[in-house]
Amino acid sequence: MEEIKANEYIRLENGIILKYGEKQSVKIENNEYTDYSGEYEWSSTVVNHSPEIIDLIEVGDIVNGYPVLEPVKNGNVWWGIDEGLENFKKSFGDIVTILTHEQYEQNCYRLEE
């Protein structure tokens, strides 16, 4: 993996997306992100990084309230799904929120079958 530069966005294996360089208590060595800022130190592997946050979005993430079904790498167009369960193209020019599929799975309450 290429060197991660300050102010790039990083996606960790646990689904967290961060902007590298915003915290002084963070270190990245050998693609391992370590945060020393809290009471406990924690680490996670960097799976992707880019100066553009849209490059870190994966299928299964929820962007601005819309599930991403299939990324299209020509600009800011991503496949999503609407309330009528019809496929449509949705442009995420201004990304406001991202819920990664890893975060969704970790926080999802499941009813017993």
N, C-alpha and C. Protein backbone atom coordinates (compact mmCIF):
# COMPACT_ATOMS: atom_id res chain seq x y z
N MET A 1 0.84 -1.17 0.00
CA MET A 1 0.00 0.00 0.00
C MET A 1 0.89 1.24 0.00
N GLU A 2 0.48 2.26 -0.75
CA GLU A 2 1.22 3.51 -0.82
C GLU A 2 1.24 4.20 0.54
N GLU A 3 2.18 5.13 0.69
CA GLU A 3 2.29 5.89 1.92
C GLU A 3 1.02 6.72 2.15
N ILE A 4 0.54 6.72 3.37
CA ILE A 4 -0.64 7.51 3.75
C ILE A 4 -0.18 8.89 4.16
N LYS A 5 -0.76 9.89 3.50
CA LYS A 5 -0.35 11.27 3.75
C LYS A 5 -1.34 11.96 4.69
N ALA A 6 -0.88 13.01 5.34
CA ALA A 6 -1.76 13.80 6.22
C ALA A 6 -2.93 14.34 5.41
N ASN A 7 -4.08 14.39 6.05
CA ASN A 7 -5.34 14.88 5.48
C ASN A 7 -5.98 13.93 4.48
N GLU A 8 -5.46 12.70 4.35
CA GLU A 8 -6.14 11.69 3.55
C GLU A 8 -7.18 10.99 4.42
N TYR A 9 -8.22 10.50 3.77
CA TYR A 9 -9.22 9.70 4.47
C TYR A 9 -8.72 8.26 4.50
N ILE A 10 -8.96 7.58 5.62
CA ILE A 10 -8.58 6.18 5.73
C ILE A 10 -9.80 5.36 6.17
N ARG A 11 -9.88 4.14 5.65
CA ARG A 11 -10.92 3.20 6.06
C ARG A 11 -10.23 2.05 6.76
N LEU A 12 -10.68 1.77 7.99
CA LEU A 12 -10.09 0.70 8.78
C LEU A 12 -10.90 -0.58 8.61
N GLU A 13 -10.30 -1.72 8.94
CA GLU A 13 -10.97 -3.00 8.76
C GLU A 13 -12.24 -3.13 9.60
N ASN A 14 -12.36 -2.34 10.65
CA ASN A 14 -13.58 -2.38 11.47
C ASN A 14 -14.67 -1.45 10.93
N GLY A 15 -14.41 -0.80 9.77
CA GLY A 15 -15.41 0.03 9.12
C GLY A 15 -15.34 1.50 9.45
N ILE A 16 -14.51 1.87 10.39
CA ILE A 16 -14.38 3.28 10.75
C ILE A 16 -13.66 4.03 9.64
N ILE A 17 -14.20 5.21 9.28
CA ILE A 17 -13.56 6.09 8.32
C ILE A 17 -13.11 7.34 9.07
N LEU A 18 -11.85 7.70 8.90
CA LEU A 18 -11.25 8.84 9.60
C LEU A 18 -10.45 9.69 8.63
N LYS A 19 -10.20 10.91 9.03
CA LYS A 19 -9.28 11.77 8.28
C LYS A 19 -7.96 11.74 9.02
N TYR A 20 -6.93 11.20 8.39
CA TYR A 20 -5.63 11.05 9.02
C TYR A 20 -4.97 12.41 9.22
N GLY A 21 -4.42 12.63 10.38
CA GLY A 21 -3.73 13.86 10.69
C GLY A 21 -4.54 14.81 11.55
N GLU A 22 -5.81 14.48 11.84
CA GLU A 22 -6.62 15.35 12.68
C GLU A 22 -6.29 15.19 14.15
N LYS A 23 -5.74 14.04 14.55
CA LYS A 23 -5.39 13.79 15.95
C LYS A 23 -3.88 13.64 16.07
N GLN A 24 -3.33 14.20 17.11
CA GLN A 24 -1.90 14.07 17.36
C GLN A 24 -1.55 12.71 17.97
N SER A 25 -2.54 12.04 18.54
CA SER A 25 -2.28 10.80 19.28
C SER A 25 -2.47 9.56 18.42
N VAL A 26 -2.23 9.69 17.11
CA VAL A 26 -2.43 8.58 16.18
C VAL A 26 -1.13 8.27 15.48
N LYS A 27 -0.91 6.97 15.26
CA LYS A 27 0.29 6.54 14.55
C LYS A 27 -0.12 5.47 13.54
N ILE A 28 0.47 5.51 12.34
CA ILE A 28 0.26 4.46 11.35
C ILE A 28 1.63 3.90 10.98
N GLU A 29 1.80 2.62 11.23
CA GLU A 29 3.02 1.91 10.85
C GLU A 29 2.62 0.57 10.25
N ASN A 30 3.18 0.25 9.09
CA ASN A 30 2.89 -1.02 8.41
C ASN A 30 1.39 -1.24 8.26
N ASN A 31 0.67 -0.19 7.85
CA ASN A 31 -0.78 -0.21 7.64
C ASN A 31 -1.57 -0.54 8.90
N GLU A 32 -0.97 -0.35 10.06
CA GLU A 32 -1.66 -0.55 11.33
C GLU A 32 -1.90 0.81 11.97
N TYR A 33 -3.18 1.15 12.16
CA TYR A 33 -3.58 2.42 12.76
C TYR A 33 -3.67 2.22 14.26
N THR A 34 -3.01 3.06 15.04
CA THR A 34 -3.07 2.98 16.50
C THR A 34 -3.43 4.34 17.06
N ASP A 35 -4.43 4.36 17.94
CA ASP A 35 -4.92 5.60 18.57
C ASP A 35 -4.61 5.53 20.06
N TYR A 36 -3.86 6.51 20.54
CA TYR A 36 -3.46 6.58 21.94
C TYR A 36 -4.25 7.62 22.72
N SER A 37 -5.30 8.20 22.14
CA SER A 37 -5.94 9.38 22.73
C SER A 37 -6.85 9.08 23.92
N GLY A 38 -7.44 7.91 23.97
CA GLY A 38 -8.39 7.62 25.03
C GLY A 38 -7.75 6.94 26.21
N GLU A 39 -8.59 6.46 27.09
CA GLU A 39 -8.11 5.72 28.25
C GLU A 39 -7.43 4.42 27.82
N TYR A 40 -7.93 3.86 26.70
CA TYR A 40 -7.38 2.61 26.18
C TYR A 40 -6.82 2.83 24.79
N GLU A 41 -5.71 2.21 24.52
CA GLU A 41 -5.11 2.24 23.19
C GLU A 41 -5.84 1.21 22.33
N TRP A 42 -6.12 1.54 21.08
CA TRP A 42 -6.75 0.57 20.19
C TRP A 42 -6.11 0.66 18.81
N SER A 43 -6.16 -0.48 18.09
CA SER A 43 -5.54 -0.57 16.77
C SER A 43 -6.47 -1.24 15.79
N SER A 44 -6.26 -0.94 14.53
CA SER A 44 -6.99 -1.58 13.45
C SER A 44 -6.17 -1.45 12.17
N THR A 45 -6.36 -2.36 11.26
CA THR A 45 -5.63 -2.35 10.00
C THR A 45 -6.27 -1.40 9.01
N VAL A 46 -5.47 -0.62 8.31
CA VAL A 46 -5.95 0.26 7.26
C VAL A 46 -6.18 -0.58 6.01
N VAL A 47 -7.41 -0.55 5.48
CA VAL A 47 -7.72 -1.33 4.28
C VAL A 47 -7.72 -0.48 3.02
N ASN A 48 -7.88 0.85 3.16
CA ASN A 48 -7.89 1.73 2.00
C ASN A 48 -7.66 3.16 2.47
N HIS A 49 -7.12 3.97 1.57
CA HIS A 49 -6.94 5.40 1.87
C HIS A 49 -7.00 6.19 0.58
N SER A 50 -7.42 7.45 0.70
CA SER A 50 -7.53 8.31 -0.47
C SER A 50 -7.75 9.75 -0.03
N PRO A 51 -7.34 10.71 -0.86
CA PRO A 51 -7.67 12.10 -0.55
C PRO A 51 -9.16 12.40 -0.76
N GLU A 52 -9.86 11.54 -1.50
CA GLU A 52 -11.29 11.71 -1.77
C GLU A 52 -12.08 10.66 -0.99
N ILE A 53 -13.00 11.10 -0.14
CA ILE A 53 -13.76 10.17 0.69
C ILE A 53 -14.63 9.22 -0.14
N ILE A 54 -15.08 9.66 -1.30
CA ILE A 54 -15.94 8.82 -2.13
C ILE A 54 -15.22 7.53 -2.56
N ASP A 55 -13.88 7.56 -2.62
CA ASP A 55 -13.11 6.39 -3.00
C ASP A 55 -13.14 5.29 -1.94
N LEU A 56 -13.56 5.62 -0.73
CA LEU A 56 -13.58 4.64 0.36
C LEU A 56 -14.93 3.96 0.54
N ILE A 57 -15.93 4.40 -0.22
CA ILE A 57 -17.27 3.83 -0.09
C ILE A 57 -17.30 2.46 -0.74
N GLU A 58 -17.93 1.51 -0.06
CA GLU A 58 -18.02 0.12 -0.54
C GLU A 58 -19.48 -0.28 -0.68
N VAL A 59 -19.70 -1.31 -1.46
CA VAL A 59 -21.04 -1.90 -1.59
C VAL A 59 -21.49 -2.34 -0.20
N GLY A 60 -22.73 -2.00 0.15
CA GLY A 60 -23.28 -2.34 1.46
C GLY A 60 -23.27 -1.16 2.43
N ASP A 61 -22.48 -0.13 2.14
CA ASP A 61 -22.49 1.07 2.97
C ASP A 61 -23.78 1.84 2.72
N ILE A 62 -24.10 2.74 3.64
CA ILE A 62 -25.27 3.60 3.48
C ILE A 62 -24.76 5.03 3.45
N VAL A 63 -24.99 5.72 2.32
CA VAL A 63 -24.49 7.07 2.11
C VAL A 63 -25.68 8.01 2.00
N ASN A 64 -25.70 9.03 2.85
CA ASN A 64 -26.79 10.00 2.87
C ASN A 64 -28.16 9.32 2.95
N GLY A 65 -28.21 8.18 3.63
CA GLY A 65 -29.47 7.47 3.83
C GLY A 65 -29.81 6.46 2.75
N TYR A 66 -28.95 6.30 1.73
CA TYR A 66 -29.22 5.37 0.64
C TYR A 66 -28.21 4.23 0.64
N PRO A 67 -28.68 2.98 0.58
CA PRO A 67 -27.75 1.85 0.49
C PRO A 67 -27.00 1.87 -0.84
N VAL A 68 -25.73 1.55 -0.80
CA VAL A 68 -24.92 1.44 -2.00
C VAL A 68 -24.96 -0.01 -2.45
N LEU A 69 -25.51 -0.25 -3.64
CA LEU A 69 -25.63 -1.61 -4.16
C LEU A 69 -24.49 -1.97 -5.09
N GLU A 70 -24.09 -1.02 -5.91
CA GLU A 70 -23.01 -1.28 -6.86
C GLU A 70 -22.31 0.04 -7.18
N PRO A 71 -21.04 0.15 -6.82
CA PRO A 71 -20.35 1.40 -7.11
C PRO A 71 -20.06 1.53 -8.60
N VAL A 72 -20.20 2.72 -9.11
CA VAL A 72 -19.86 3.04 -10.48
C VAL A 72 -18.75 4.07 -10.41
N LYS A 73 -17.59 3.77 -10.96
CA LYS A 73 -16.41 4.61 -10.80
C LYS A 73 -16.31 5.74 -11.81
N ASN A 74 -17.41 6.22 -12.35
CA ASN A 74 -17.33 7.35 -13.28
C ASN A 74 -17.94 8.58 -12.62
N GLY A 75 -17.16 9.24 -11.82
CA GLY A 75 -17.65 10.42 -11.13
C GLY A 75 -18.29 10.05 -9.80
N ASN A 76 -19.33 10.79 -9.44
CA ASN A 76 -19.97 10.61 -8.14
C ASN A 76 -21.28 9.86 -8.24
N VAL A 77 -21.39 8.91 -9.16
CA VAL A 77 -22.65 8.20 -9.34
C VAL A 77 -22.55 6.80 -8.74
N TRP A 78 -23.54 6.47 -7.93
CA TRP A 78 -23.55 5.17 -7.26
C TRP A 78 -24.95 4.59 -7.37
N TRP A 79 -25.06 3.30 -7.51
CA TRP A 79 -26.38 2.66 -7.52
C TRP A 79 -26.92 2.63 -6.11
N GLY A 80 -28.18 2.93 -5.97
CA GLY A 80 -28.85 2.87 -4.68
C GLY A 80 -30.19 2.21 -4.84
N ILE A 81 -31.03 2.36 -3.86
CA ILE A 81 -32.36 1.76 -3.90
C ILE A 81 -33.33 2.76 -3.28
N ASP A 82 -34.52 2.90 -3.87
CA ASP A 82 -35.45 3.88 -3.32
C ASP A 82 -36.52 3.19 -2.48
N GLU A 83 -37.46 3.97 -1.96
CA GLU A 83 -38.48 3.42 -1.06
C GLU A 83 -39.37 2.40 -1.76
N GLY A 84 -39.57 2.52 -3.07
CA GLY A 84 -40.39 1.57 -3.81
C GLY A 84 -39.60 0.36 -4.28
N LEU A 85 -38.39 0.21 -3.78
CA LEU A 85 -37.49 -0.90 -4.13
C LEU A 85 -37.19 -0.96 -5.63
N GLU A 86 -37.16 0.21 -6.26
CA GLU A 86 -36.79 0.31 -7.67
C GLU A 86 -35.35 0.80 -7.74
N ASN A 87 -34.56 0.19 -8.61
CA ASN A 87 -33.18 0.65 -8.78
C ASN A 87 -33.16 2.03 -9.44
N PHE A 88 -32.25 2.86 -9.03
CA PHE A 88 -32.08 4.16 -9.64
C PHE A 88 -30.64 4.62 -9.43
N LYS A 89 -30.22 5.56 -10.23
CA LYS A 89 -28.89 6.14 -10.03
C LYS A 89 -29.03 7.36 -9.15
N LYS A 90 -28.19 7.42 -8.14
CA LYS A 90 -28.22 8.53 -7.18
C LYS A 90 -26.83 9.16 -7.14
N SER A 91 -26.76 10.44 -7.29
CA SER A 91 -25.48 11.14 -7.23
C SER A 91 -25.25 11.61 -5.80
N PHE A 92 -24.09 11.27 -5.25
CA PHE A 92 -23.72 11.70 -3.91
C PHE A 92 -22.66 12.79 -4.01
N GLY A 93 -22.97 13.88 -4.67
CA GLY A 93 -22.00 14.96 -4.84
C GLY A 93 -21.50 15.49 -3.51
N ASP A 94 -22.41 15.73 -2.57
CA ASP A 94 -22.05 16.20 -1.24
C ASP A 94 -22.36 15.08 -0.24
N ILE A 95 -21.33 14.36 0.14
CA ILE A 95 -21.51 13.28 1.11
C ILE A 95 -21.61 13.90 2.49
N VAL A 96 -22.72 13.62 3.17
CA VAL A 96 -22.95 14.16 4.50
C VAL A 96 -22.77 13.07 5.55
N THR A 97 -23.31 11.87 5.28
CA THR A 97 -23.22 10.77 6.24
C THR A 97 -22.82 9.48 5.53
N ILE A 98 -22.04 8.67 6.24
CA ILE A 98 -21.68 7.32 5.78
C ILE A 98 -21.83 6.39 6.97
N LEU A 99 -22.63 5.35 6.79
CA LEU A 99 -22.69 4.25 7.75
C LEU A 99 -22.11 3.05 7.02
N THR A 100 -20.94 2.61 7.44
CA THR A 100 -20.30 1.50 6.74
C THR A 100 -21.01 0.19 7.07
N HIS A 101 -20.88 -0.77 6.16
CA HIS A 101 -21.55 -2.05 6.39
C HIS A 101 -20.98 -2.76 7.62
N GLU A 102 -19.71 -2.53 7.94
CA GLU A 102 -19.13 -3.14 9.15
C GLU A 102 -19.76 -2.54 10.40
N GLN A 103 -19.94 -1.21 10.42
CA GLN A 103 -20.57 -0.55 11.57
C GLN A 103 -22.01 -1.00 11.72
N TYR A 104 -22.72 -1.14 10.61
CA TYR A 104 -24.11 -1.59 10.64
C TYR A 104 -24.20 -2.99 11.26
N GLU A 105 -23.35 -3.91 10.81
CA GLU A 105 -23.37 -5.28 11.33
C GLU A 105 -23.03 -5.32 12.82
N GLN A 106 -22.06 -4.51 13.25
CA GLN A 106 -21.65 -4.50 14.65
C GLN A 106 -22.75 -3.96 15.57
N ASN A 107 -23.57 -3.06 15.07
CA ASN A 107 -24.57 -2.39 15.91
C ASN A 107 -26.00 -2.83 15.64
N CYS A 108 -26.16 -3.83 14.81
CA CYS A 108 -27.49 -4.29 14.42
C CYS A 108 -28.05 -5.21 15.51
N TYR A 109 -29.27 -4.93 15.97
CA TYR A 109 -29.94 -5.80 16.93
C TYR A 109 -30.70 -6.86 16.14
N ARG A 110 -30.44 -8.12 16.42
CA ARG A 110 -31.09 -9.21 15.70
C ARG A 110 -32.05 -9.94 16.62
N LEU A 111 -33.24 -10.16 16.14
CA LEU A 111 -34.23 -10.95 16.87
C LEU A 111 -33.87 -12.42 16.74
N GLU A 112 -34.11 -13.17 17.78
CA GLU A 112 -33.84 -14.60 17.70
C GLU A 112 -34.82 -15.25 16.76
N GLU A 113 -34.33 -16.21 15.99
CA GLU A 113 -35.21 -16.89 15.03
C GLU A 113 -35.91 -18.05 15.68
